[in-house]
């Protein structure tokens, strides 16, 4: 799912960097210091909640907009993510790629 979303966002004019596991995602985030970080909850090497915790504890990244993009509809997971400071929780099975991009555009409009 990463590649199609990346491609769609780039086509919409966003600069996108992608990672395929939690460890490399954190490394990229620490290096690039993005305005928004999209995280899946199910990731190899380090799960999404652990990634979010490290981001929120980082002095520079703690204010980055965090968007969960996942196919998990577990309400407990939703509330755990919200308590950690996640700004948006999008269940990808409910959206088409175009709708994901539209939601990201709305998020940036309100910043």
PDB file of N, CA and C in Angstrom:
ATOM      1  N   UNK A   1       0.812  -1.198   0.000  1.00  0.00           N
ATOM      2  CA  UNK A   1       0.000   0.000   0.000  1.00  0.00           C
ATOM      3  C   UNK A   1       0.858   1.266   0.000  1.00  0.00           C
ATOM      4  N   UNK A   2       2.085   1.195   0.463  1.00  0.00           N
ATOM      5  CA  UNK A   2       2.938   2.376   0.561  1.00  0.00           C
ATOM      6  C   UNK A   2       3.181   3.004  -0.811  1.00  0.00           C
ATOM      7  N   UNK A   3       3.576   2.200  -1.773  1.00  0.00           N
ATOM      8  CA  UNK A   3       3.942   2.750  -3.077  1.00  0.00           C
ATOM      9  C   UNK A   3       2.780   3.468  -3.768  1.00  0.00           C
ATOM     10  N   UNK A   4       1.571   2.883  -3.830  1.00  0.00           N
ATOM     11  CA  UNK A   4       0.465   3.604  -4.480  1.00  0.00           C
ATOM     12  C   UNK A   4       0.120   4.926  -3.788  1.00  0.00           C
ATOM     13  N   UNK A   5       0.151   4.957  -2.465  1.00  0.00           N
ATOM     14  CA  UNK A   5      -0.139   6.202  -1.747  1.00  0.00           C
ATOM     15  C   UNK A   5       0.946   7.224  -2.012  1.00  0.00           C
ATOM     16  N   UNK A   6       2.204   6.782  -1.977  1.00  0.00           N
ATOM     17  CA  UNK A   6       3.337   7.678  -2.251  1.00  0.00           C
ATOM     18  C   UNK A   6       3.186   8.299  -3.640  1.00  0.00           C
ATOM     19  N   UNK A   7       2.914   7.469  -4.616  1.00  0.00           N
ATOM     20  CA  UNK A   7       2.781   7.934  -5.996  1.00  0.00           C
ATOM     21  C   UNK A   7       1.629   8.934  -6.133  1.00  0.00           C
ATOM     22  N   UNK A   8       0.505   8.641  -5.514  1.00  0.00           N
ATOM     23  CA  UNK A   8      -0.673   9.508  -5.589  1.00  0.00           C
ATOM     24  C   UNK A   8      -0.402  10.860  -4.921  1.00  0.00           C
ATOM     25  N   UNK A   9       0.268  10.847  -3.774  1.00  0.00           N
ATOM     26  CA  UNK A   9       0.590  12.098  -3.085  1.00  0.00           C
ATOM     27  C   UNK A   9       1.598  12.935  -3.872  1.00  0.00           C
ATOM     28  N   UNK A  10       2.579  12.274  -4.458  1.00  0.00           N
ATOM     29  CA  UNK A  10       3.559  13.000  -5.281  1.00  0.00           C
ATOM     30  C   UNK A  10       2.881  13.633  -6.490  1.00  0.00           C
ATOM     31  N   UNK A  11       1.958  12.915  -7.080  1.00  0.00           N
ATOM     32  CA  UNK A  11       1.213  13.447  -8.218  1.00  0.00           C
ATOM     33  C   UNK A  11       0.401  14.682  -7.805  1.00  0.00           C
ATOM     34  N   UNK A  12      -0.027  14.708  -6.546  1.00  0.00           N
ATOM     35  CA  UNK A  12      -0.783  15.845  -6.025  1.00  0.00           C
ATOM     36  C   UNK A  12       0.131  16.997  -5.604  1.00  0.00           C
ATOM     37  N   UNK A  13       1.455  16.823  -5.762  1.00  0.00           N
ATOM     38  CA  UNK A  13       2.395  17.904  -5.485  1.00  0.00           C
ATOM     39  C   UNK A  13       3.119  17.836  -4.163  1.00  0.00           C
ATOM     40  N   UNK A  14       2.961  16.752  -3.423  1.00  0.00           N
ATOM     41  CA  UNK A  14       3.641  16.621  -2.133  1.00  0.00           C
ATOM     42  C   UNK A  14       4.996  15.952  -2.296  1.00  0.00           C
ATOM     43  N   UNK A  15       5.932  16.334  -1.454  1.00  0.00           N
ATOM     44  CA  UNK A  15       7.233  15.672  -1.382  1.00  0.00           C
ATOM     45  C   UNK A  15       7.072  14.524  -0.384  1.00  0.00           C
ATOM     46  N   UNK A  16       7.328  13.305  -0.848  1.00  0.00           N
ATOM     47  CA  UNK A  16       7.053  12.130  -0.028  1.00  0.00           C
ATOM     48  C   UNK A  16       8.292  11.248   0.080  1.00  0.00           C
ATOM     49  N   UNK A  17       8.564  10.822   1.292  1.00  0.00           N
ATOM     50  CA  UNK A  17       9.622   9.861   1.544  1.00  0.00           C
ATOM     51  C   UNK A  17       8.944   8.639   2.165  1.00  0.00           C
ATOM     52  N   UNK A  18       9.332   7.466   1.745  1.00  0.00           N
ATOM     53  CA  UNK A  18       8.667   6.258   2.230  1.00  0.00           C
ATOM     54  C   UNK A  18       9.643   5.308   2.895  1.00  0.00           C
ATOM     55  N   UNK A  19       9.119   4.573   3.861  1.00  0.00           N
ATOM     56  CA  UNK A  19       9.882   3.528   4.528  1.00  0.00           C
ATOM     57  C   UNK A  19       8.966   2.320   4.652  1.00  0.00           C
ATOM     58  N   UNK A  20       9.560   1.160   4.768  1.00  0.00           N
ATOM     59  CA  UNK A  20       8.766  -0.063   4.778  1.00  0.00           C
ATOM     60  C   UNK A  20       8.813  -0.805   6.105  1.00  0.00           C
ATOM     61  N   UNK A  21       9.439  -0.206   7.112  1.00  0.00           N
ATOM     62  CA  UNK A  21       9.415  -0.771   8.457  1.00  0.00           C
ATOM     63  C   UNK A  21       9.585   0.364   9.460  1.00  0.00           C
ATOM     64  N   UNK A  22       9.258   0.093  10.711  1.00  0.00           N
ATOM     65  CA  UNK A  22       9.295   1.118  11.735  1.00  0.00           C
ATOM     66  C   UNK A  22      10.666   1.703  12.005  1.00  0.00           C
ATOM     67  N   UNK A  23      11.700   0.880  11.965  1.00  0.00           N
ATOM     68  CA  UNK A  23      13.056   1.350  12.257  1.00  0.00           C
ATOM     69  C   UNK A  23      13.538   2.323  11.181  1.00  0.00           C
ATOM     70  N   UNK A  24      13.418   1.941   9.911  1.00  0.00           N
ATOM     71  CA  UNK A  24      13.884   2.841   8.849  1.00  0.00           C
ATOM     72  C   UNK A  24      12.978   4.067   8.736  1.00  0.00           C
ATOM     73  N   UNK A  25      11.697   3.914   9.071  1.00  0.00           N
ATOM     74  CA  UNK A  25      10.796   5.064   9.075  1.00  0.00           C
ATOM     75  C   UNK A  25      11.229   6.107  10.097  1.00  0.00           C
ATOM     76  N   UNK A  26      11.591   5.648  11.288  1.00  0.00           N
ATOM     77  CA  UNK A  26      12.089   6.578  12.308  1.00  0.00           C
ATOM     78  C   UNK A  26      13.385   7.241  11.877  1.00  0.00           C
ATOM     79  N   UNK A  27      14.297   6.454  11.301  1.00  0.00           N
ATOM     80  CA  UNK A  27      15.566   7.024  10.843  1.00  0.00           C
ATOM     81  C   UNK A  27      15.315   8.145   9.832  1.00  0.00           C
ATOM     82  N   UNK A  28      14.424   7.896   8.874  1.00  0.00           N
ATOM     83  CA  UNK A  28      14.098   8.925   7.878  1.00  0.00           C
ATOM     84  C   UNK A  28      13.449  10.145   8.532  1.00  0.00           C
ATOM     85  N   UNK A  29      12.536   9.911   9.445  1.00  0.00           N
ATOM     86  CA  UNK A  29      11.854  11.027  10.111  1.00  0.00           C
ATOM     87  C   UNK A  29      12.850  11.878  10.897  1.00  0.00           C
ATOM     88  N   UNK A  30      13.776  11.253  11.631  1.00  0.00           N
ATOM     89  CA  UNK A  30      14.764  12.000  12.404  1.00  0.00           C
ATOM     90  C   UNK A  30      15.684  12.808  11.487  1.00  0.00           C
ATOM     91  N   UNK A  31      15.992  12.252  10.339  1.00  0.00           N
ATOM     92  CA  UNK A  31      16.885  12.921   9.391  1.00  0.00           C
ATOM     93  C   UNK A  31      16.171  14.040   8.624  1.00  0.00           C
ATOM     94  N   UNK A  32      14.966  13.754   8.138  1.00  0.00           N
ATOM     95  CA  UNK A  32      14.274  14.682   7.239  1.00  0.00           C
ATOM     96  C   UNK A  32      13.364  15.681   7.944  1.00  0.00           C
ATOM     97  N   UNK A  33      12.937  15.387   9.155  1.00  0.00           N
ATOM     98  CA  UNK A  33      12.073  16.251   9.964  1.00  0.00           C
ATOM     99  C   UNK A  33      10.851  16.758   9.179  1.00  0.00           C
ATOM    100  N   UNK A  34       9.985  15.831   8.773  1.00  0.00           N
ATOM    101  CA  UNK A  34       8.821  16.213   7.963  1.00  0.00           C
ATOM    102  C   UNK A  34       7.738  16.932   8.770  1.00  0.00           C
ATOM    103  N   UNK A  35       6.850  17.627   8.060  1.00  0.00           N
ATOM    104  CA  UNK A  35       5.703  18.287   8.687  1.00  0.00           C
ATOM    105  C   UNK A  35       4.632  17.275   9.067  1.00  0.00           C
ATOM    106  N   UNK A  36       4.526  16.210   8.278  1.00  0.00           N
ATOM    107  CA  UNK A  36       3.522  15.191   8.511  1.00  0.00           C
ATOM    108  C   UNK A  36       4.165  13.814   8.402  1.00  0.00           C
ATOM    109  N   UNK A  37       3.747  12.918   9.277  1.00  0.00           N
ATOM    110  CA  UNK A  37       4.260  11.557   9.259  1.00  0.00           C
ATOM    111  C   UNK A  37       3.068  10.612   9.225  1.00  0.00           C
ATOM    112  N   UNK A  38       3.035   9.766   8.207  1.00  0.00           N
ATOM    113  CA  UNK A  38       1.972   8.765   8.087  1.00  0.00           C
ATOM    114  C   UNK A  38       2.535   7.441   8.581  1.00  0.00           C
ATOM    115  N   UNK A  39       1.781   6.785   9.453  1.00  0.00           N
ATOM    116  CA  UNK A  39       2.259   5.563  10.087  1.00  0.00           C
ATOM    117  C   UNK A  39       1.172   4.495  10.014  1.00  0.00           C
ATOM    118  N   UNK A  40       1.571   3.290   9.662  1.00  0.00           N
ATOM    119  CA  UNK A  40       0.671   2.149   9.798  1.00  0.00           C
ATOM    120  C   UNK A  40       0.906   1.569  11.186  1.00  0.00           C
ATOM    121  N   UNK A  41      -0.082   0.974  11.768  1.00  0.00           N
ATOM    122  CA  UNK A  41       0.093   0.383  13.089  1.00  0.00           C
ATOM    123  C   UNK A  41       0.809  -0.950  13.029  1.00  0.00           C
ATOM    124  N   UNK A  42       0.686  -1.651  11.913  1.00  0.00           N
ATOM    125  CA  UNK A  42       1.325  -2.954  11.755  1.00  0.00           C
ATOM    126  C   UNK A  42       2.543  -2.774  10.851  1.00  0.00           C
ATOM    127  N   UNK A  43       3.705  -2.751  11.481  1.00  0.00           N
ATOM    128  CA  UNK A  43       4.966  -2.562  10.750  1.00  0.00           C
ATOM    129  C   UNK A  43       5.980  -3.604  11.204  1.00  0.00           C
ATOM    130  N   UNK A  44       6.854  -4.042  10.288  1.00  0.00           N
ATOM    131  CA  UNK A  44       7.944  -4.922  10.719  1.00  0.00           C
ATOM    132  C   UNK A  44       8.982  -4.145  11.528  1.00  0.00           C
ATOM    133  N   UNK A  45       9.720  -4.834  12.321  1.00  0.00           N
ATOM    134  CA  UNK A  45      10.850  -4.359  13.125  1.00  0.00           C
ATOM    135  C   UNK A  45      10.445  -3.483  14.310  1.00  0.00           C
ATOM    136  N   UNK A  46       9.450  -2.606  14.154  1.00  0.00           N
ATOM    137  CA  UNK A  46       8.975  -1.768  15.254  1.00  0.00           C
ATOM    138  C   UNK A  46       7.544  -1.363  14.909  1.00  0.00           C
ATOM    139  N   UNK A  47       6.600  -1.680  15.781  1.00  0.00           N
ATOM    140  CA  UNK A  47       5.197  -1.409  15.446  1.00  0.00           C
ATOM    141  C   UNK A  47       4.885   0.094  15.465  1.00  0.00           C
ATOM    142  N   UNK A  48       3.752   0.428  14.896  1.00  0.00           N
ATOM    143  CA  UNK A  48       3.364   1.827  14.743  1.00  0.00           C
ATOM    144  C   UNK A  48       3.246   2.593  16.044  1.00  0.00           C
ATOM    145  N   UNK A  49       2.713   1.963  17.092  1.00  0.00           N
ATOM    146  CA  UNK A  49       2.591   2.663  18.376  1.00  0.00           C
ATOM    147  C   UNK A  49       3.962   2.999  18.964  1.00  0.00           C
ATOM    148  N   UNK A  50       4.926   2.100  18.807  1.00  0.00           N
ATOM    149  CA  UNK A  50       6.296   2.381  19.281  1.00  0.00           C
ATOM    150  C   UNK A  50       6.916   3.512  18.463  1.00  0.00           C
ATOM    151  N   UNK A  51       6.659   3.521  17.157  1.00  0.00           N
ATOM    152  CA  UNK A  51       7.167   4.592  16.289  1.00  0.00           C
ATOM    153  C   UNK A  51       6.579   5.935  16.730  1.00  0.00           C
ATOM    154  N   UNK A  52       5.280   5.962  16.954  1.00  0.00           N
ATOM    155  CA  UNK A  52       4.615   7.201  17.361  1.00  0.00           C
ATOM    156  C   UNK A  52       5.152   7.687  18.698  1.00  0.00           C
ATOM    157  N   UNK A  53       5.367   6.778  19.627  1.00  0.00           N
ATOM    158  CA  UNK A  53       5.911   7.146  20.935  1.00  0.00           C
ATOM    159  C   UNK A  53       7.264   7.828  20.782  1.00  0.00           C
ATOM    160  N   UNK A  54       8.138   7.271  19.950  1.00  0.00           N
ATOM    161  CA  UNK A  54       9.463   7.880  19.743  1.00  0.00           C
ATOM    162  C   UNK A  54       9.355   9.233  19.065  1.00  0.00           C
ATOM    163  N   UNK A  55       8.443   9.358  18.117  1.00  0.00           N
ATOM    164  CA  UNK A  55       8.261  10.646  17.442  1.00  0.00           C
ATOM    165  C   UNK A  55       7.794  11.701  18.443  1.00  0.00           C
ATOM    166  N   UNK A  56       6.818  11.354  19.256  1.00  0.00           N
ATOM    167  CA  UNK A  56       6.268  12.310  20.224  1.00  0.00           C
ATOM    168  C   UNK A  56       7.260  12.663  21.329  1.00  0.00           C
ATOM    169  N   UNK A  57       8.274  11.818  21.547  1.00  0.00           N
ATOM    170  CA  UNK A  57       9.308  12.112  22.541  1.00  0.00           C
ATOM    171  C   UNK A  57      10.509  12.830  21.944  1.00  0.00           C
ATOM    172  N   UNK A  58      10.526  13.030  20.635  1.00  0.00           N
ATOM    173  CA  UNK A  58      11.638  13.696  19.955  1.00  0.00           C
ATOM    174  C   UNK A  58      11.419  15.211  20.010  1.00  0.00           C
ATOM    175  N   UNK A  59      12.431  15.973  20.438  1.00  0.00           N
ATOM    176  CA  UNK A  59      12.245  17.422  20.609  1.00  0.00           C
ATOM    177  C   UNK A  59      11.831  18.167  19.332  1.00  0.00           C
ATOM    178  N   UNK A  60      12.285  17.727  18.182  1.00  0.00           N
ATOM    179  CA  UNK A  60      11.949  18.417  16.934  1.00  0.00           C
ATOM    180  C   UNK A  60      10.682  17.852  16.309  1.00  0.00           C
ATOM    181  N   UNK A  61      10.504  16.551  16.364  1.00  0.00           N
ATOM    182  CA  UNK A  61       9.375  15.908  15.682  1.00  0.00           C
ATOM    183  C   UNK A  61       8.072  15.893  16.483  1.00  0.00           C
ATOM    184  N   UNK A  62       8.136  16.194  17.768  1.00  0.00           N
ATOM    185  CA  UNK A  62       6.952  16.033  18.617  1.00  0.00           C
ATOM    186  C   UNK A  62       5.742  16.831  18.136  1.00  0.00           C
ATOM    187  N   UNK A  63       5.948  17.880  17.352  1.00  0.00           N
ATOM    188  CA  UNK A  63       4.833  18.679  16.850  1.00  0.00           C
ATOM    189  C   UNK A  63       4.435  18.333  15.421  1.00  0.00           C
ATOM    190  N   UNK A  64       5.077  17.328  14.834  1.00  0.00           N
ATOM    191  CA  UNK A  64       4.706  16.902  13.480  1.00  0.00           C
ATOM    192  C   UNK A  64       3.291  16.331  13.503  1.00  0.00           C
ATOM    193  N   UNK A  65       2.571  16.581  12.443  1.00  0.00           N
ATOM    194  CA  UNK A  65       1.231  16.024  12.284  1.00  0.00           C
ATOM    195  C   UNK A  65       1.382  14.514  12.066  1.00  0.00           C
ATOM    196  N   UNK A  66       0.671  13.714  12.834  1.00  0.00           N
ATOM    197  CA  UNK A  66       0.763  12.261  12.681  1.00  0.00           C
ATOM    198  C   UNK A  66      -0.572  11.725  12.194  1.00  0.00           C
ATOM    199  N   UNK A  67      -0.495  10.991  11.090  1.00  0.00           N
ATOM    200  CA  UNK A  67      -1.680  10.381  10.488  1.00  0.00           C
ATOM    201  C   UNK A  67      -1.480   8.876  10.501  1.00  0.00           C
ATOM    202  N   UNK A  68      -2.399   8.174  11.134  1.00  0.00           N
ATOM    203  CA  UNK A  68      -2.400   6.713  11.076  1.00  0.00           C
ATOM    204  C   UNK A  68      -3.138   6.326   9.803  1.00  0.00           C
ATOM    205  N   UNK A  69      -2.512   5.514   8.997  1.00  0.00           N
ATOM    206  CA  UNK A  69      -3.143   4.917   7.815  1.00  0.00           C
ATOM    207  C   UNK A  69      -3.078   3.417   8.034  1.00  0.00           C
ATOM    208  N   UNK A  70      -4.193   2.802   8.329  1.00  0.00           N
ATOM    209  CA  UNK A  70      -4.185   1.385   8.668  1.00  0.00           C
ATOM    210  C   UNK A  70      -5.479   0.727   8.218  1.00  0.00           C
ATOM    211  N   UNK A  71      -5.464  -0.580   8.178  1.00  0.00           N
ATOM    212  CA  UNK A  71      -6.713  -1.281   7.897  1.00  0.00           C
ATOM    213  C   UNK A  71      -7.312  -1.862   9.187  1.00  0.00           C
ATOM    214  N   UNK A  72      -6.718  -1.516  10.338  1.00  0.00           N
ATOM    215  CA  UNK A  72      -7.221  -1.986  11.626  1.00  0.00           C
ATOM    216  C   UNK A  72      -8.384  -1.109  12.099  1.00  0.00           C
ATOM    217  N   UNK A  73      -9.482  -1.741  12.407  1.00  0.00           N
ATOM    218  CA  UNK A  73     -10.645  -1.003  12.885  1.00  0.00           C
ATOM    219  C   UNK A  73     -10.864  -1.204  14.384  1.00  0.00           C
ATOM    220  N   UNK A  74      -9.868  -1.715  15.059  1.00  0.00           N
ATOM    221  CA  UNK A  74      -9.925  -1.999  16.489  1.00  0.00           C
ATOM    222  C   UNK A  74     -10.055  -0.692  17.285  1.00  0.00           C
ATOM    223  N   UNK A  75     -11.156  -0.539  18.009  1.00  0.00           N
ATOM    224  CA  UNK A  75     -11.409   0.693  18.748  1.00  0.00           C
ATOM    225  C   UNK A  75     -10.371   0.926  19.857  1.00  0.00           C
ATOM    226  N   UNK A  76      -9.898  -0.152  20.498  1.00  0.00           N
ATOM    227  CA  UNK A  76      -8.860  -0.002  21.530  1.00  0.00           C
ATOM    228  C   UNK A  76      -7.593   0.590  20.931  1.00  0.00           C
ATOM    229  N   UNK A  77      -7.226   0.120  19.740  1.00  0.00           N
ATOM    230  CA  UNK A  77      -6.030   0.627  19.078  1.00  0.00           C
ATOM    231  C   UNK A  77      -6.203   2.109  18.727  1.00  0.00           C
ATOM    232  N   UNK A  78      -7.392   2.467  18.274  1.00  0.00           N
ATOM    233  CA  UNK A  78      -7.695   3.863  17.964  1.00  0.00           C
ATOM    234  C   UNK A  78      -7.441   4.737  19.188  1.00  0.00           C
ATOM    235  N   UNK A  79      -7.969   4.336  20.331  1.00  0.00           N
ATOM    236  CA  UNK A  79      -7.825   5.157  21.540  1.00  0.00           C
ATOM    237  C   UNK A  79      -6.391   5.176  22.058  1.00  0.00           C
ATOM    238  N   UNK A  80      -5.670   4.077  21.910  1.00  0.00           N
ATOM    239  CA  UNK A  80      -4.245   4.076  22.281  1.00  0.00           C
ATOM    240  C   UNK A  80      -3.495   5.105  21.435  1.00  0.00           C
ATOM    241  N   UNK A  81      -3.756   5.087  20.141  1.00  0.00           N
ATOM    242  CA  UNK A  81      -3.096   6.026  19.226  1.00  0.00           C
ATOM    243  C   UNK A  81      -3.455   7.469  19.582  1.00  0.00           C
ATOM    244  N   UNK A  82      -4.711   7.734  19.863  1.00  0.00           N
ATOM    245  CA  UNK A  82      -5.136   9.094  20.226  1.00  0.00           C
ATOM    246  C   UNK A  82      -4.455   9.557  21.511  1.00  0.00           C
ATOM    247  N   UNK A  83      -4.339   8.659  22.494  1.00  0.00           N
ATOM    248  CA  UNK A  83      -3.664   9.025  23.753  1.00  0.00           C
ATOM    249  C   UNK A  83      -2.196   9.360  23.525  1.00  0.00           C
ATOM    250  N   UNK A  84      -1.592   8.741  22.516  1.00  0.00           N
ATOM    251  CA  UNK A  84      -0.191   9.028  22.210  1.00  0.00           C
ATOM    252  C   UNK A  84      -0.027  10.359  21.468  1.00  0.00           C
ATOM    253  N   UNK A  85      -1.119  10.916  20.985  1.00  0.00           N
ATOM    254  CA  UNK A  85      -1.039  12.208  20.305  1.00  0.00           C
ATOM    255  C   UNK A  85      -1.241  12.159  18.807  1.00  0.00           C
ATOM    256  N   UNK A  86      -1.786  11.069  18.300  1.00  0.00           N
ATOM    257  CA  UNK A  86      -2.058  10.964  16.866  1.00  0.00           C
ATOM    258  C   UNK A  86      -3.134  11.982  16.502  1.00  0.00           C
ATOM    259  N   UNK A  87      -2.916  12.675  15.399  1.00  0.00           N
ATOM    260  CA  UNK A  87      -3.842  13.723  14.974  1.00  0.00           C
ATOM    261  C   UNK A  87      -5.010  13.191  14.143  1.00  0.00           C
ATOM    262  N   UNK A  88      -4.746  12.189  13.319  1.00  0.00           N
ATOM    263  CA  UNK A  88      -5.769  11.657  12.420  1.00  0.00           C
ATOM    264  C   UNK A  88      -5.611  10.145  12.317  1.00  0.00           C
ATOM    265  N   UNK A  89      -6.733   9.442  12.244  1.00  0.00           N
ATOM    266  CA  UNK A  89      -6.738   7.981  12.176  1.00  0.00           C
ATOM    267  C   UNK A  89      -7.610   7.599  10.994  1.00  0.00           C
ATOM    268  N   UNK A  90      -6.997   7.175   9.904  1.00  0.00           N
ATOM    269  CA  UNK A  90      -7.726   6.822   8.695  1.00  0.00           C
ATOM    270  C   UNK A  90      -7.664   5.311   8.481  1.00  0.00           C
ATOM    271  N   UNK A  91      -8.808   4.693   8.383  1.00  0.00           N
ATOM    272  CA  UNK A  91      -8.883   3.264   8.099  1.00  0.00           C
ATOM    273  C   UNK A  91      -8.914   3.120   6.585  1.00  0.00           C
ATOM    274  N   UNK A  92      -7.819   2.605   6.025  1.00  0.00           N
ATOM    275  CA  UNK A  92      -7.652   2.596   4.565  1.00  0.00           C
ATOM    276  C   UNK A  92      -8.657   1.732   3.842  1.00  0.00           C
ATOM    277  N   UNK A  93      -9.195   0.722   4.495  1.00  0.00           N
ATOM    278  CA  UNK A  93     -10.176  -0.117   3.801  1.00  0.00           C
ATOM    279  C   UNK A  93     -11.461   0.668   3.525  1.00  0.00           C
ATOM    280  N   UNK A  94     -11.639   1.791   4.215  1.00  0.00           N
ATOM    281  CA  UNK A  94     -12.821   2.627   4.004  1.00  0.00           C
ATOM    282  C   UNK A  94     -12.625   3.664   2.897  1.00  0.00           C
ATOM    283  N   UNK A  95     -11.396   3.838   2.414  1.00  0.00           N
ATOM    284  CA  UNK A  95     -11.096   4.903   1.471  1.00  0.00           C
ATOM    285  C   UNK A  95     -10.448   4.378   0.201  1.00  0.00           C
ATOM    286  N   UNK A  96     -10.710   5.064  -0.879  1.00  0.00           N
ATOM    287  CA  UNK A  96      -9.957   4.860  -2.105  1.00  0.00           C
ATOM    288  C   UNK A  96      -8.715   5.737  -2.008  1.00  0.00           C
ATOM    289  N   UNK A  97      -7.713   5.478  -2.827  1.00  0.00           N
ATOM    290  CA  UNK A  97      -6.485   6.285  -2.784  1.00  0.00           C
ATOM    291  C   UNK A  97      -6.775   7.770  -2.966  1.00  0.00           C
ATOM    292  N   UNK A  98      -7.655   8.101  -3.890  1.00  0.00           N
ATOM    293  CA  UNK A  98      -7.992   9.512  -4.124  1.00  0.00           C
ATOM    294  C   UNK A  98      -8.545  10.152  -2.856  1.00  0.00           C
ATOM    295  N   UNK A  99      -9.347   9.416  -2.118  1.00  0.00           N
ATOM    296  CA  UNK A  99      -9.922   9.948  -0.884  1.00  0.00           C
ATOM    297  C   UNK A  99      -8.845  10.169   0.181  1.00  0.00           C
ATOM    298  N   UNK A 100      -7.836   9.305   0.220  1.00  0.00           N
ATOM    299  CA  UNK A 100      -6.720   9.503   1.153  1.00  0.00           C
ATOM    300  C   UNK A 100      -6.029  10.817   0.826  1.00  0.00           C
ATOM    301  N   UNK A 101      -5.741  11.056  -0.450  1.00  0.00           N
ATOM    302  CA  UNK A 101      -5.083  12.301  -0.870  1.00  0.00           C
ATOM    303  C   UNK A 101      -5.972  13.499  -0.522  1.00  0.00           C
ATOM    304  N   UNK A 102      -7.265  13.399  -0.765  1.00  0.00           N
ATOM    305  CA  UNK A 102      -8.184  14.492  -0.431  1.00  0.00           C
ATOM    306  C   UNK A 102      -8.160  14.796   1.065  1.00  0.00           C
ATOM    307  N   UNK A 103      -8.103  13.760   1.889  1.00  0.00           N
ATOM    308  CA  UNK A 103      -8.044  13.968   3.342  1.00  0.00           C
ATOM    309  C   UNK A 103      -6.732  14.633   3.747  1.00  0.00           C
ATOM    310  N   UNK A 104      -5.624  14.242   3.114  1.00  0.00           N
ATOM    311  CA  UNK A 104      -4.333  14.866   3.412  1.00  0.00           C
ATOM    312  C   UNK A 104      -4.366  16.341   3.025  1.00  0.00           C
ATOM    313  N   UNK A 105      -4.963  16.666   1.889  1.00  0.00           N
ATOM    314  CA  UNK A 105      -5.096  18.069   1.470  1.00  0.00           C
ATOM    315  C   UNK A 105      -5.882  18.864   2.511  1.00  0.00           C
ATOM    316  N   UNK A 106      -6.952  18.304   3.029  1.00  0.00           N
ATOM    317  CA  UNK A 106      -7.749  18.979   4.042  1.00  0.00           C
ATOM    318  C   UNK A 106      -6.944  19.205   5.318  1.00  0.00           C
ATOM    319  N   UNK A 107      -6.151  18.224   5.691  1.00  0.00           N
ATOM    320  CA  UNK A 107      -5.320  18.352   6.890  1.00  0.00           C
ATOM    321  C   UNK A 107      -4.351  19.516   6.735  1.00  0.00           C
ATOM    322  N   UNK A 108      -3.689  19.615   5.581  1.00  0.00           N
ATOM    323  CA  UNK A 108      -2.731  20.696   5.368  1.00  0.00           C
ATOM    324  C   UNK A 108      -3.410  22.055   5.260  1.00  0.00           C
ATOM    325  N   UNK A 109      -4.645  22.106   4.778  1.00  0.00           N
ATOM    326  CA  UNK A 109      -5.385  23.377   4.708  1.00  0.00           C
ATOM    327  C   UNK A 109      -5.643  23.939   6.083  1.00  0.00           C
ATOM    328  N   UNK A 110      -5.864  23.059   7.046  1.00  0.00           N
ATOM    329  CA  UNK A 110      -6.215  23.499   8.389  1.00  0.00           C
ATOM    330  C   UNK A 110      -5.009  23.773   9.271  1.00  0.00           C
ATOM    331  N   UNK A 111      -3.808  23.588   8.754  1.00  0.00           N
ATOM    332  CA  UNK A 111      -2.599  23.824   9.558  1.00  0.00           C
ATOM    333  C   UNK A 111      -2.251  25.282   9.577  1.00  0.00           C
TER     334      UNK A 111
END
